């Protein structure tokens, strides 16, 4: 494979993207869970908002996995793989709506940090497609974290 990025750099970037994929999938699953199980006075608002968010995350996992494949590596695709790679904690039980919001803020902020940690690898290898993907993901996660944080009034 000769796309202008050496094997070691492709490996390092793919590993970073695998962590981003695991974080994204874990947050997708958590958001979908909260969509199903939210209760309380903000039910309709949160139910619809969580649906919008998990749909966006669902599309993102495909983009991230396909970038890993374009770099010549296999994308992780099992719960066991994701559990090893993710920095996002699973939800225990069914938290109250405000705790759901707080956990999702935390998840989006973790995704921001994960994405940022991959930038130096992409920049070193002049991997503009990965840098572009990371920029797009950061825009989504920073905005979503802000919106969720605003609902907590913190």
C-alpha atoms as a PDB file:
ATOM      1  CA  UNK A   1       0.000   0.000   0.000  1.00  0.00           C
ATOM      2  CA  UNK A   2       1.483   3.356  -1.030  1.00  0.00           C
ATOM      3  CA  UNK A   3      -0.806   6.316  -0.304  1.00  0.00           C
ATOM      4  CA  UNK A   4       2.026   8.598   0.840  1.00  0.00           C
ATOM      5  CA  UNK A   5       1.767   7.657   4.538  1.00  0.00           C
ATOM      6  CA  UNK A   6       4.253   5.125   5.856  1.00  0.00           C
ATOM      7  CA  UNK A   7       3.123   1.925   7.569  1.00  0.00           C
ATOM      8  CA  UNK A   8       4.041   3.000  11.104  1.00  0.00           C
ATOM      9  CA  UNK A   9       2.139   6.279  10.783  1.00  0.00           C
ATOM     10  CA  UNK A  10      -0.873   4.491   9.272  1.00  0.00           C
ATOM     11  CA  UNK A  11      -0.787   2.019  12.168  1.00  0.00           C
ATOM     12  CA  UNK A  12      -0.568   4.766  14.798  1.00  0.00           C
ATOM     13  CA  UNK A  13      -3.370   6.794  13.200  1.00  0.00           C
ATOM     14  CA  UNK A  14      -5.573   3.715  12.788  1.00  0.00           C
ATOM     15  CA  UNK A  15      -5.057   2.841  16.457  1.00  0.00           C
ATOM     16  CA  UNK A  16      -6.052   6.372  17.480  1.00  0.00           C
ATOM     17  CA  UNK A  17      -9.090   6.196  15.224  1.00  0.00           C
ATOM     18  CA  UNK A  18      -9.964   2.816  16.747  1.00  0.00           C
ATOM     19  CA  UNK A  19     -10.135   4.512  20.150  1.00  0.00           C
ATOM     20  CA  UNK A  20     -12.314   7.247  18.609  1.00  0.00           C
ATOM     21  CA  UNK A  21     -14.535   4.569  17.067  1.00  0.00           C
ATOM     22  CA  UNK A  22     -14.881   2.758  20.396  1.00  0.00           C
ATOM     23  CA  UNK A  23     -15.728   6.002  22.213  1.00  0.00           C
ATOM     24  CA  UNK A  24     -18.233   6.950  19.520  1.00  0.00           C
ATOM     25  CA  UNK A  25     -19.944   3.561  19.533  1.00  0.00           C
ATOM     26  CA  UNK A  26     -20.072   3.471  23.326  1.00  0.00           C
ATOM     27  CA  UNK A  27     -21.609   6.956  23.420  1.00  0.00           C
ATOM     28  CA  UNK A  28     -24.041   5.928  20.672  1.00  0.00           C
ATOM     29  CA  UNK A  29     -25.186   2.960  22.758  1.00  0.00           C
ATOM     30  CA  UNK A  30     -25.475   5.066  25.922  1.00  0.00           C
ATOM     31  CA  UNK A  31     -27.446   7.782  24.106  1.00  0.00           C
ATOM     32  CA  UNK A  32     -29.785   5.215  22.557  1.00  0.00           C
ATOM     33  CA  UNK A  33     -30.313   3.628  25.982  1.00  0.00           C
ATOM     34  CA  UNK A  34     -31.166   7.019  27.470  1.00  0.00           C
ATOM     35  CA  UNK A  35     -33.551   7.727  24.581  1.00  0.00           C
ATOM     36  CA  UNK A  36     -35.483   4.558  25.433  1.00  0.00           C
ATOM     37  CA  UNK A  37     -35.464   5.023  29.189  1.00  0.00           C
ATOM     38  CA  UNK A  38     -35.686   8.733  29.967  1.00  0.00           C
ATOM     39  CA  UNK A  39     -38.607   9.779  32.174  1.00  0.00           C
ATOM     40  CA  UNK A  40     -39.824  12.934  33.838  1.00  0.00           C
ATOM     41  CA  UNK A  41     -41.148  16.362  32.925  1.00  0.00           C
ATOM     42  CA  UNK A  42     -38.591  16.807  30.109  1.00  0.00           C
ATOM     43  CA  UNK A  43     -39.400  13.405  28.574  1.00  0.00           C
ATOM     44  CA  UNK A  44     -40.507  14.569  25.132  1.00  0.00           C
ATOM     45  CA  UNK A  45     -37.695  17.104  24.731  1.00  0.00           C
ATOM     46  CA  UNK A  46     -34.985  14.694  25.850  1.00  0.00           C
ATOM     47  CA  UNK A  47     -36.435  11.698  24.017  1.00  0.00           C
ATOM     48  CA  UNK A  48     -36.334  13.599  20.713  1.00  0.00           C
ATOM     49  CA  UNK A  49     -32.965  15.221  21.401  1.00  0.00           C
ATOM     50  CA  UNK A  50     -31.364  11.879  22.281  1.00  0.00           C
ATOM     51  CA  UNK A  51     -32.787  10.370  19.088  1.00  0.00           C
ATOM     52  CA  UNK A  52     -31.184  13.096  16.986  1.00  0.00           C
ATOM     53  CA  UNK A  53     -27.893  12.562  18.786  1.00  0.00           C
ATOM     54  CA  UNK A  54     -27.768   8.769  18.509  1.00  0.00           C
ATOM     55  CA  UNK A  55     -28.641   8.970  14.809  1.00  0.00           C
ATOM     56  CA  UNK A  56     -25.713  11.337  14.256  1.00  0.00           C
ATOM     57  CA  UNK A  57     -23.388   9.045  16.223  1.00  0.00           C
ATOM     58  CA  UNK A  58     -24.587   6.048  14.207  1.00  0.00           C
ATOM     59  CA  UNK A  59     -23.501   7.738  10.988  1.00  0.00           C
ATOM     60  CA  UNK A  60     -20.200   8.773  12.539  1.00  0.00           C
ATOM     61  CA  UNK A  61     -19.123   5.234  13.432  1.00  0.00           C
ATOM     62  CA  UNK A  62     -19.298   4.297   9.770  1.00  0.00           C
ATOM     63  CA  UNK A  63     -17.150   7.260   8.690  1.00  0.00           C
ATOM     64  CA  UNK A  64     -14.525   6.522  11.330  1.00  0.00           C
ATOM     65  CA  UNK A  65     -14.415   2.785  10.558  1.00  0.00           C
ATOM     66  CA  UNK A  66     -14.111   3.457   6.835  1.00  0.00           C
ATOM     67  CA  UNK A  67     -11.183   5.833   7.435  1.00  0.00           C
ATOM     68  CA  UNK A  68      -9.441   3.080   9.408  1.00  0.00           C
ATOM     69  CA  UNK A  69      -9.999   0.719   6.466  1.00  0.00           C
ATOM     70  CA  UNK A  70      -8.717   3.334   3.992  1.00  0.00           C
ATOM     71  CA  UNK A  71      -5.491   3.384   6.024  1.00  0.00           C
ATOM     72  CA  UNK A  72      -5.141  -0.360   5.450  1.00  0.00           C
ATOM     73  CA  UNK A  73      -6.182  -1.600   8.885  1.00  0.00           C
ATOM     74  CA  UNK A  74      -9.182  -3.483  10.197  1.00  0.00           C
ATOM     75  CA  UNK A  75     -11.702  -1.561  12.295  1.00  0.00           C
ATOM     76  CA  UNK A  76     -12.650  -3.004  15.674  1.00  0.00           C
ATOM     77  CA  UNK A  77     -16.246  -4.188  15.669  1.00  0.00           C
ATOM     78  CA  UNK A  78     -17.081  -6.090  18.832  1.00  0.00           C
ATOM     79  CA  UNK A  79     -18.268  -5.070  22.274  1.00  0.00           C
ATOM     80  CA  UNK A  80     -15.136  -6.711  23.700  1.00  0.00           C
ATOM     81  CA  UNK A  81     -12.913  -4.587  21.424  1.00  0.00           C
ATOM     82  CA  UNK A  82     -14.792  -1.421  22.303  1.00  0.00           C
ATOM     83  CA  UNK A  83     -14.653  -2.177  26.039  1.00  0.00           C
ATOM     84  CA  UNK A  84     -10.840  -2.384  25.816  1.00  0.00           C
ATOM     85  CA  UNK A  85     -10.488   0.791  23.759  1.00  0.00           C
ATOM     86  CA  UNK A  86     -13.100   3.216  25.099  1.00  0.00           C
ATOM     87  CA  UNK A  87     -12.631   5.851  27.784  1.00  0.00           C
ATOM     88  CA  UNK A  88     -16.410   6.238  28.233  1.00  0.00           C
ATOM     89  CA  UNK A  89     -18.004   4.437  31.167  1.00  0.00           C
ATOM     90  CA  UNK A  90     -21.207   2.481  30.675  1.00  0.00           C
ATOM     91  CA  UNK A  91     -24.301   3.692  32.498  1.00  0.00           C
ATOM     92  CA  UNK A  92     -25.261   1.698  35.570  1.00  0.00           C
ATOM     93  CA  UNK A  93     -28.990   1.120  35.726  1.00  0.00           C
ATOM     94  CA  UNK A  94     -31.300   3.876  34.580  1.00  0.00           C
ATOM     95  CA  UNK A  95     -30.197   7.253  35.902  1.00  0.00           C
ATOM     96  CA  UNK A  96     -32.498  10.233  36.360  1.00  0.00           C
ATOM     97  CA  UNK A  97     -32.774  12.618  33.395  1.00  0.00           C
ATOM     98  CA  UNK A  98     -30.337  15.172  34.829  1.00  0.00           C
ATOM     99  CA  UNK A  99     -27.731  12.456  35.415  1.00  0.00           C
ATOM    100  CA  UNK A 100     -28.271  11.244  31.844  1.00  0.00           C
ATOM    101  CA  UNK A 101     -27.472  14.736  30.607  1.00  0.00           C
ATOM    102  CA  UNK A 102     -24.355  14.922  32.798  1.00  0.00           C
ATOM    103  CA  UNK A 103     -23.119  11.537  31.560  1.00  0.00           C
ATOM    104  CA  UNK A 104     -23.652  12.546  27.942  1.00  0.00           C
ATOM    105  CA  UNK A 105     -21.773  15.825  28.489  1.00  0.00           C
ATOM    106  CA  UNK A 106     -18.907  13.783  29.903  1.00  0.00           C
ATOM    107  CA  UNK A 107     -19.034  11.402  26.925  1.00  0.00           C
ATOM    108  CA  UNK A 108     -18.896  14.185  24.354  1.00  0.00           C
ATOM    109  CA  UNK A 109     -16.042  15.867  26.212  1.00  0.00           C
ATOM    110  CA  UNK A 110     -14.131  12.562  26.263  1.00  0.00           C
ATOM    111  CA  UNK A 111     -14.665  12.276  22.517  1.00  0.00           C
ATOM    112  CA  UNK A 112     -13.239  15.781  22.080  1.00  0.00           C
ATOM    113  CA  UNK A 113     -10.127  14.799  24.022  1.00  0.00           C
ATOM    114  CA  UNK A 114      -9.746  11.538  22.095  1.00  0.00           C
ATOM    115  CA  UNK A 115     -10.056  13.343  18.747  1.00  0.00           C
ATOM    116  CA  UNK A 116      -7.547  15.987  19.805  1.00  0.00           C
ATOM    117  CA  UNK A 117      -5.039  13.307  20.833  1.00  0.00           C
ATOM    118  CA  UNK A 118      -4.988  11.970  17.246  1.00  0.00           C
ATOM    119  CA  UNK A 119      -4.269  15.317  15.560  1.00  0.00           C
ATOM    120  CA  UNK A 120      -0.488  15.243  16.126  1.00  0.00           C
ATOM    121  CA  UNK A 121      -0.311  11.814  14.481  1.00  0.00           C
ATOM    122  CA  UNK A 122      -2.313  12.972  11.466  1.00  0.00           C
ATOM    123  CA  UNK A 123      -0.353  16.218  11.168  1.00  0.00           C
ATOM    124  CA  UNK A 124       3.016  14.431  11.379  1.00  0.00           C
ATOM    125  CA  UNK A 125       1.961  12.161   8.491  1.00  0.00           C
ATOM    126  CA  UNK A 126       0.302  14.944   6.460  1.00  0.00           C
ATOM    127  CA  UNK A 127      -2.916  12.916   6.697  1.00  0.00           C
ATOM    128  CA  UNK A 128      -5.393  15.619   5.745  1.00  0.00           C
ATOM    129  CA  UNK A 129      -8.411  13.303   5.377  1.00  0.00           C
ATOM    130  CA  UNK A 130      -8.016  12.120   8.980  1.00  0.00           C
ATOM    131  CA  UNK A 131      -7.440  15.696  10.189  1.00  0.00           C
ATOM    132  CA  UNK A 132     -10.603  16.760   8.357  1.00  0.00           C
ATOM    133  CA  UNK A 133     -12.593  13.922   9.923  1.00  0.00           C
ATOM    134  CA  UNK A 134     -11.286  14.870  13.368  1.00  0.00           C
ATOM    135  CA  UNK A 135     -12.212  18.520  12.812  1.00  0.00           C
ATOM    136  CA  UNK A 136     -15.742  17.559  11.809  1.00  0.00           C
ATOM    137  CA  UNK A 137     -16.118  15.280  14.827  1.00  0.00           C
ATOM    138  CA  UNK A 138     -14.829  17.970  17.167  1.00  0.00           C
ATOM    139  CA  UNK A 139     -17.352  20.464  15.831  1.00  0.00           C
ATOM    140  CA  UNK A 140     -20.206  18.036  16.510  1.00  0.00           C
ATOM    141  CA  UNK A 141     -19.030  16.970  19.970  1.00  0.00           C
ATOM    142  CA  UNK A 142     -18.167  20.456  21.220  1.00  0.00           C
ATOM    143  CA  UNK A 143     -21.543  21.797  20.091  1.00  0.00           C
ATOM    144  CA  UNK A 144     -23.469  18.840  21.515  1.00  0.00           C
ATOM    145  CA  UNK A 145     -21.639  19.086  24.854  1.00  0.00           C
ATOM    146  CA  UNK A 146     -22.468  22.801  25.011  1.00  0.00           C
ATOM    147  CA  UNK A 147     -26.157  22.138  24.302  1.00  0.00           C
ATOM    148  CA  UNK A 148     -26.368  19.367  26.890  1.00  0.00           C
ATOM    149  CA  UNK A 149     -24.450  21.481  29.420  1.00  0.00           C
ATOM    150  CA  UNK A 150     -26.901  24.339  28.810  1.00  0.00           C
ATOM    151  CA  UNK A 151     -29.801  22.066  29.770  1.00  0.00           C
ATOM    152  CA  UNK A 152     -28.042  21.449  33.081  1.00  0.00           C
ATOM    153  CA  UNK A 153     -27.589  25.204  33.533  1.00  0.00           C
ATOM    154  CA  UNK A 154     -23.928  24.728  34.538  1.00  0.00           C
END
